[in-house]
Structure formats: structure tokens, C-alpha cells
Amino acid sequence: MTAPRSSAPSGPLGLDPDLLSILACPDTHHTPLTVDEAAGELVCGTCDRAFPVRDGIPVLLLDEARHRSS
């Protein structure tokens, strides 16, 4: 019998670290996303889009993303 997983996420922005390790930009290049904790977003280093995280749920829709200023 295995121990039940904790229901409390322990990673940045309330996201499970295992989930963070596989999240990628939904655009055609599928670059892995990085965390911007201060802004509460996941960021793509290729297209410079920032995806919001709302209530611990990443919103990986291109229409919801914003382009970060350089």
C-alpha cells in the first residue's frame, strides 16, 4: 500500500513541482516555462509571453497571455 499524496501543493505559485517540470508554452515551439513568482505568472523565454496562474491553476491559453516588455 502506498501513502496518499499530500493535497497541499508545495511549489511556487501553489503549483506541484512535478507539474511545473512538464509545463511548456502552448505555441508551436513548446519551450518549457519558468516561474515569475512576483508577477504570479509562468513565462516563456522564446516568445516572451507571460501566462497567468489563477487560484493555483495555470492558464495556458495564447489569448490569455500577455507579452512582457523588454
PDB file of N, CA and C in Angstrom:
ATOM      1  N   MET A   1       0.842  -1.173   0.000  1.00  0.00           N
ATOM      2  CA  MET A   1       0.000   0.000   0.000  1.00  0.00           C
ATOM      3  C   MET A   1       0.891   1.242   0.000  1.00  0.00           C
ATOM      4  N   THR A   2       0.520   2.221  -0.811  1.00  0.00           N
ATOM      5  CA  THR A   2       1.307   3.454  -0.878  1.00  0.00           C
ATOM      6  C   THR A   2       0.641   4.532  -0.049  1.00  0.00           C
ATOM      7  N   ALA A   3       1.443   5.438   0.436  1.00  0.00           N
ATOM      8  CA  ALA A   3       0.930   6.544   1.229  1.00  0.00           C
ATOM      9  C   ALA A   3       0.223   7.540   0.321  1.00  0.00           C
ATOM     10  N   PRO A   4      -0.881   8.115   0.753  1.00  0.00           N
ATOM     11  CA  PRO A   4      -1.575   9.111  -0.071  1.00  0.00           C
ATOM     12  C   PRO A   4      -0.720  10.354  -0.219  1.00  0.00           C
ATOM     13  N   ARG A   5      -0.828  10.964  -1.385  1.00  0.00           N
ATOM     14  CA  ARG A   5      -0.100  12.204  -1.635  1.00  0.00           C
ATOM     15  C   ARG A   5      -0.746  13.347  -0.881  1.00  0.00           C
ATOM     16  N   SER A   6       0.053  14.260  -0.449  1.00  0.00           N
ATOM     17  CA  SER A   6      -0.454  15.445   0.224  1.00  0.00           C
ATOM     18  C   SER A   6      -1.248  16.275  -0.771  1.00  0.00           C
ATOM     19  N   SER A   7      -2.370  16.815  -0.339  1.00  0.00           N
ATOM     20  CA  SER A   7      -3.196  17.620  -1.235  1.00  0.00           C
ATOM     21  C   SER A   7      -2.697  19.060  -1.320  1.00  0.00           C
ATOM     22  N   ALA A   8      -1.768  19.438  -0.460  1.00  0.00           N
ATOM     23  CA  ALA A   8      -1.255  20.805  -0.458  1.00  0.00           C
ATOM     24  C   ALA A   8      -0.046  20.915  -1.372  1.00  0.00           C
ATOM     25  N   PRO A   9      -0.176  21.714  -2.467  1.00  0.00           N
ATOM     26  CA  PRO A   9       0.979  21.912  -3.339  1.00  0.00           C
ATOM     27  C   PRO A   9       2.092  22.625  -2.590  1.00  0.00           C
ATOM     28  N   SER A  10       3.316  22.270  -2.915  1.00  0.00           N
ATOM     29  CA  SER A  10       4.424  22.875  -2.180  1.00  0.00           C
ATOM     30  C   SER A  10       5.336  23.718  -3.056  1.00  0.00           C
ATOM     31  N   GLY A  11       5.043  23.829  -4.325  1.00  0.00           N
ATOM     32  CA  GLY A  11       5.907  24.573  -5.237  1.00  0.00           C
ATOM     33  C   GLY A  11       5.513  26.032  -5.351  1.00  0.00           C
ATOM     34  N   PRO A  12       6.251  26.762  -6.183  1.00  0.00           N
ATOM     35  CA  PRO A  12       5.953  28.183  -6.388  1.00  0.00           C
ATOM     36  C   PRO A  12       4.564  28.381  -6.995  1.00  0.00           C
ATOM     37  N   LEU A  13       3.921  29.441  -6.615  1.00  0.00           N
ATOM     38  CA  LEU A  13       2.586  29.808  -7.081  1.00  0.00           C
ATOM     39  C   LEU A  13       1.543  28.756  -6.733  1.00  0.00           C
ATOM     40  N   GLY A  14       1.845  27.893  -5.765  1.00  0.00           N
ATOM     41  CA  GLY A  14       0.904  26.864  -5.362  1.00  0.00           C
ATOM     42  C   GLY A  14       0.807  25.706  -6.331  1.00  0.00           C
ATOM     43  N   LEU A  15       1.787  25.590  -7.225  1.00  0.00           N
ATOM     44  CA  LEU A  15       1.772  24.522  -8.225  1.00  0.00           C
ATOM     45  C   LEU A  15       2.652  23.364  -7.789  1.00  0.00           C
ATOM     46  N   ASP A  16       2.239  22.178  -8.145  1.00  0.00           N
ATOM     47  CA  ASP A  16       3.007  20.971  -7.861  1.00  0.00           C
ATOM     48  C   ASP A  16       4.325  21.033  -8.642  1.00  0.00           C
ATOM     49  N   PRO A  17       5.461  20.799  -8.002  1.00  0.00           N
ATOM     50  CA  PRO A  17       6.749  20.842  -8.702  1.00  0.00           C
ATOM     51  C   PRO A  17       6.837  19.860  -9.873  1.00  0.00           C
ATOM     52  N   ASP A  18       6.168  18.707  -9.771  1.00  0.00           N
ATOM     53  CA  ASP A  18       6.160  17.758 -10.893  1.00  0.00           C
ATOM     54  C   ASP A  18       5.432  18.348 -12.098  1.00  0.00           C
ATOM     55  N   LEU A  19       4.339  19.057 -11.839  1.00  0.00           N
ATOM     56  CA  LEU A  19       3.605  19.708 -12.922  1.00  0.00           C
ATOM     57  C   LEU A  19       4.467  20.793 -13.557  1.00  0.00           C
ATOM     58  N   LEU A  20       5.113  21.606 -12.736  1.00  0.00           N
ATOM     59  CA  LEU A  20       5.970  22.672 -13.258  1.00  0.00           C
ATOM     60  C   LEU A  20       7.062  22.130 -14.176  1.00  0.00           C
ATOM     61  N   SER A  21       7.546  20.952 -13.871  1.00  0.00           N
ATOM     62  CA  SER A  21       8.644  20.388 -14.671  1.00  0.00           C
ATOM     63  C   SER A  21       8.212  19.982 -16.076  1.00  0.00           C
ATOM     64  N   ILE A  22       6.903  19.846 -16.320  1.00  0.00           N
ATOM     65  CA  ILE A  22       6.449  19.430 -17.649  1.00  0.00           C
ATOM     66  C   ILE A  22       5.680  20.506 -18.404  1.00  0.00           C
ATOM     67  N   LEU A  23       5.364  21.620 -17.746  1.00  0.00           N
ATOM     68  CA  LEU A  23       4.609  22.670 -18.423  1.00  0.00           C
ATOM     69  C   LEU A  23       5.458  23.336 -19.500  1.00  0.00           C
ATOM     70  N   ALA A  24       4.814  23.575 -20.648  1.00  0.00           N
ATOM     71  CA  ALA A  24       5.500  24.205 -21.778  1.00  0.00           C
ATOM     72  C   ALA A  24       4.567  25.208 -22.436  1.00  0.00           C
ATOM     73  N   CYS A  25       5.147  26.140 -23.152  1.00  0.00           N
ATOM     74  CA  CYS A  25       4.382  27.142 -23.881  1.00  0.00           C
ATOM     75  C   CYS A  25       3.471  26.431 -24.890  1.00  0.00           C
ATOM     76  N   PRO A  26       2.224  26.859 -24.998  1.00  0.00           N
ATOM     77  CA  PRO A  26       1.318  26.226 -25.945  1.00  0.00           C
ATOM     78  C   PRO A  26       1.568  26.615 -27.402  1.00  0.00           C
ATOM     79  N   ASP A  27       2.463  27.563 -27.651  1.00  0.00           N
ATOM     80  CA  ASP A  27       2.803  27.926 -29.024  1.00  0.00           C
ATOM     81  C   ASP A  27       3.592  26.777 -29.667  1.00  0.00           C
ATOM     82  N   THR A  28       3.849  26.860 -30.935  1.00  0.00           N
ATOM     83  CA  THR A  28       4.447  25.747 -31.686  1.00  0.00           C
ATOM     84  C   THR A  28       5.838  25.350 -31.225  1.00  0.00           C
ATOM     85  N   HIS A  29       6.565  26.204 -30.544  1.00  0.00           N
ATOM     86  CA  HIS A  29       7.928  25.886 -30.119  1.00  0.00           C
ATOM     87  C   HIS A  29       7.968  25.079 -28.823  1.00  0.00           C
ATOM     88  N   HIS A  30       6.907  25.110 -28.011  1.00  0.00           N
ATOM     89  CA  HIS A  30       6.771  24.327 -26.779  1.00  0.00           C
ATOM     90  C   HIS A  30       7.958  24.469 -25.820  1.00  0.00           C
ATOM     91  N   THR A  31       8.449  25.682 -25.666  1.00  0.00           N
ATOM     92  CA  THR A  31       9.541  25.961 -24.737  1.00  0.00           C
ATOM     93  C   THR A  31       9.068  25.751 -23.292  1.00  0.00           C
ATOM     94  N   PRO A  32       9.871  25.107 -22.448  1.00  0.00           N
ATOM     95  CA  PRO A  32       9.498  24.974 -21.032  1.00  0.00           C
ATOM     96  C   PRO A  32       9.305  26.356 -20.396  1.00  0.00           C
ATOM     97  N   LEU A  33       8.342  26.439 -19.490  1.00  0.00           N
ATOM     98  CA  LEU A  33       8.019  27.704 -18.841  1.00  0.00           C
ATOM     99  C   LEU A  33       8.785  27.855 -17.538  1.00  0.00           C
ATOM    100  N   THR A  34       9.093  29.105 -17.221  1.00  0.00           N
ATOM    101  CA  THR A  34       9.737  29.420 -15.951  1.00  0.00           C
ATOM    102  C   THR A  34       8.747  30.208 -15.094  1.00  0.00           C
ATOM    103  N   VAL A  35       9.026  30.265 -13.811  1.00  0.00           N
ATOM    104  CA  VAL A  35       8.114  30.907 -12.860  1.00  0.00           C
ATOM    105  C   VAL A  35       8.572  32.329 -12.570  1.00  0.00           C
ATOM    106  N   ASP A  36       7.640  33.271 -12.626  1.00  0.00           N
ATOM    107  CA  ASP A  36       7.853  34.631 -12.132  1.00  0.00           C
ATOM    108  C   ASP A  36       6.906  34.782 -10.945  1.00  0.00           C
ATOM    109  N   GLU A  37       7.416  34.461  -9.747  1.00  0.00           N
ATOM    110  CA  GLU A  37       6.562  34.473  -8.554  1.00  0.00           C
ATOM    111  C   GLU A  37       6.027  35.862  -8.239  1.00  0.00           C
ATOM    112  N   ALA A  38       6.845  36.879  -8.430  1.00  0.00           N
ATOM    113  CA  ALA A  38       6.419  38.242  -8.111  1.00  0.00           C
ATOM    114  C   ALA A  38       5.207  38.660  -8.936  1.00  0.00           C
ATOM    115  N   ALA A  39       5.180  38.258 -10.208  1.00  0.00           N
ATOM    116  CA  ALA A  39       4.070  38.613 -11.090  1.00  0.00           C
ATOM    117  C   ALA A  39       2.951  37.573 -11.055  1.00  0.00           C
ATOM    118  N   GLY A  40       3.203  36.403 -10.479  1.00  0.00           N
ATOM    119  CA  GLY A  40       2.203  35.346 -10.443  1.00  0.00           C
ATOM    120  C   GLY A  40       1.960  34.752 -11.816  1.00  0.00           C
ATOM    121  N   GLU A  41       3.052  34.578 -12.569  1.00  0.00           N
ATOM    122  CA  GLU A  41       2.927  34.124 -13.957  1.00  0.00           C
ATOM    123  C   GLU A  41       3.952  33.040 -14.285  1.00  0.00           C
ATOM    124  N   LEU A  42       3.665  32.336 -15.364  1.00  0.00           N
ATOM    125  CA  LEU A  42       4.619  31.426 -15.980  1.00  0.00           C
ATOM    126  C   LEU A  42       5.084  32.099 -17.258  1.00  0.00           C
ATOM    127  N   VAL A  43       6.374  32.071 -17.507  1.00  0.00           N
ATOM    128  CA  VAL A  43       6.956  32.857 -18.589  1.00  0.00           C
ATOM    129  C   VAL A  43       7.648  31.963 -19.606  1.00  0.00           C
ATOM    130  N   CYS A  44       7.449  32.284 -20.887  1.00  0.00           N
ATOM    131  CA  CYS A  44       8.145  31.597 -21.977  1.00  0.00           C
ATOM    132  C   CYS A  44       9.338  32.448 -22.389  1.00  0.00           C
ATOM    133  N   GLY A  45      10.518  31.863 -22.375  1.00  0.00           N
ATOM    134  CA  GLY A  45      11.729  32.580 -22.748  1.00  0.00           C
ATOM    135  C   GLY A  45      11.898  32.740 -24.244  1.00  0.00           C
ATOM    136  N   THR A  46      11.131  31.995 -25.047  1.00  0.00           N
ATOM    137  CA  THR A  46      11.251  32.088 -26.501  1.00  0.00           C
ATOM    138  C   THR A  46      10.384  33.207 -27.074  1.00  0.00           C
ATOM    139  N   CYS A  47       9.103  33.208 -26.734  1.00  0.00           N
ATOM    140  CA  CYS A  47       8.193  34.204 -27.317  1.00  0.00           C
ATOM    141  C   CYS A  47       7.882  35.347 -26.354  1.00  0.00           C
ATOM    142  N   ASP A  48       8.432  35.291 -25.132  1.00  0.00           N
ATOM    143  CA  ASP A  48       8.284  36.334 -24.118  1.00  0.00           C
ATOM    144  C   ASP A  48       6.829  36.561 -23.709  1.00  0.00           C
ATOM    145  N   ARG A  49       6.028  35.492 -23.763  1.00  0.00           N
ATOM    146  CA  ARG A  49       4.659  35.572 -23.263  1.00  0.00           C
ATOM    147  C   ARG A  49       4.650  35.211 -21.782  1.00  0.00           C
ATOM    148  N   ALA A  50       3.707  35.805 -21.063  1.00  0.00           N
ATOM    149  CA  ALA A  50       3.510  35.514 -19.649  1.00  0.00           C
ATOM    150  C   ALA A  50       2.092  34.984 -19.479  1.00  0.00           C
ATOM    151  N   PHE A  51       1.989  33.803 -18.860  1.00  0.00           N
ATOM    152  CA  PHE A  51       0.704  33.143 -18.665  1.00  0.00           C
ATOM    153  C   PHE A  51       0.315  33.256 -17.197  1.00  0.00           C
ATOM    154  N   PRO A  52      -0.908  33.715 -16.922  1.00  0.00           N
ATOM    155  CA  PRO A  52      -1.319  33.893 -15.525  1.00  0.00           C
ATOM    156  C   PRO A  52      -1.549  32.551 -14.826  1.00  0.00           C
ATOM    157  N   VAL A  53      -1.403  32.574 -13.510  1.00  0.00           N
ATOM    158  CA  VAL A  53      -1.786  31.444 -12.669  1.00  0.00           C
ATOM    159  C   VAL A  53      -2.887  31.971 -11.767  1.00  0.00           C
ATOM    160  N   ARG A  54      -4.086  31.386 -11.910  1.00  0.00           N
ATOM    161  CA  ARG A  54      -5.247  31.845 -11.149  1.00  0.00           C
ATOM    162  C   ARG A  54      -5.698  30.739 -10.201  1.00  0.00           C
ATOM    163  N   ASP A  55      -5.715  31.041  -8.932  1.00  0.00           N
ATOM    164  CA  ASP A  55      -6.132  30.072  -7.908  1.00  0.00           C
ATOM    165  C   ASP A  55      -5.368  28.760  -8.027  1.00  0.00           C
ATOM    166  N   GLY A  56      -4.066  28.864  -8.317  1.00  0.00           N
ATOM    167  CA  GLY A  56      -3.222  27.678  -8.417  1.00  0.00           C
ATOM    168  C   GLY A  56      -3.360  26.914  -9.717  1.00  0.00           C
ATOM    169  N   ILE A  57      -4.066  27.495 -10.700  1.00  0.00           N
ATOM    170  CA  ILE A  57      -4.277  26.831 -11.988  1.00  0.00           C
ATOM    171  C   ILE A  57      -3.611  27.658 -13.084  1.00  0.00           C
ATOM    172  N   PRO A  58      -2.637  27.073 -13.815  1.00  0.00           N
ATOM    173  CA  PRO A  58      -2.013  27.812 -14.913  1.00  0.00           C
ATOM    174  C   PRO A  58      -2.980  27.937 -16.086  1.00  0.00           C
ATOM    175  N   VAL A  59      -3.102  29.153 -16.597  1.00  0.00           N
ATOM    176  CA  VAL A  59      -3.987  29.414 -17.742  1.00  0.00           C
ATOM    177  C   VAL A  59      -3.095  29.497 -18.977  1.00  0.00           C
ATOM    178  N   LEU A  60      -2.959  28.374 -19.671  1.00  0.00           N
ATOM    179  CA  LEU A  60      -2.038  28.290 -20.810  1.00  0.00           C
ATOM    180  C   LEU A  60      -2.769  28.474 -22.134  1.00  0.00           C
ATOM    181  N   LEU A  61      -3.486  29.586 -22.234  1.00  0.00           N
ATOM    182  CA  LEU A  61      -4.187  29.945 -23.458  1.00  0.00           C
ATOM    183  C   LEU A  61      -3.470  31.138 -24.081  1.00  0.00           C
ATOM    184  N   LEU A  62      -3.160  31.039 -25.354  1.00  0.00           N
ATOM    185  CA  LEU A  62      -2.448  32.139 -26.017  1.00  0.00           C
ATOM    186  C   LEU A  62      -3.239  33.441 -25.933  1.00  0.00           C
ATOM    187  N   ASP A  63      -4.570  33.361 -25.983  1.00  0.00           N
ATOM    188  CA  ASP A  63      -5.399  34.566 -25.899  1.00  0.00           C
ATOM    189  C   ASP A  63      -5.363  35.209 -24.510  1.00  0.00           C
ATOM    190  N   GLU A  64      -5.021  34.454 -23.493  1.00  0.00           N
ATOM    191  CA  GLU A  64      -4.948  34.970 -22.122  1.00  0.00           C
ATOM    192  C   GLU A  64      -3.560  35.484 -21.762  1.00  0.00           C
ATOM    193  N   ALA A  65      -2.563  35.143 -22.557  1.00  0.00           N
ATOM    194  CA  ALA A  65      -1.189  35.544 -22.266  1.00  0.00           C
ATOM    195  C   ALA A  65      -0.962  37.002 -22.622  1.00  0.00           C
ATOM    196  N   ARG A  66       0.023  37.575 -21.954  1.00  0.00           N
ATOM    197  CA  ARG A  66       0.437  38.939 -22.311  1.00  0.00           C
ATOM    198  C   ARG A  66       1.900  38.890 -22.739  1.00  0.00           C
ATOM    199  N   HIS A  67       2.280  39.821 -23.589  1.00  0.00           N
ATOM    200  CA  HIS A  67       3.686  39.933 -23.966  1.00  0.00           C
ATOM    201  C   HIS A  67       4.367  40.815 -22.943  1.00  0.00           C
ATOM    202  N   ARG A  68       5.455  40.299 -22.397  1.00  0.00           N
ATOM    203  CA  ARG A  68       6.209  41.057 -21.405  1.00  0.00           C
ATOM    204  C   ARG A  68       7.019  42.134 -22.106  1.00  0.00           C
ATOM    205  N   SER A  69       7.191  43.267 -21.442  1.00  0.00           N
ATOM    206  CA  SER A  69       8.038  44.318 -22.004  1.00  0.00           C
ATOM    207  C   SER A  69       9.491  43.972 -21.785  1.00  0.00           C
ATOM    208  N   SER A  70      10.318  44.342 -22.709  1.00  0.00           N
ATOM    209  CA  SER A  70      11.756  44.025 -22.620  1.00  0.00           C
ATOM    210  C   SER A  70      12.491  44.988 -21.745  1.00  0.00           C
TER     211      SER A  70
END
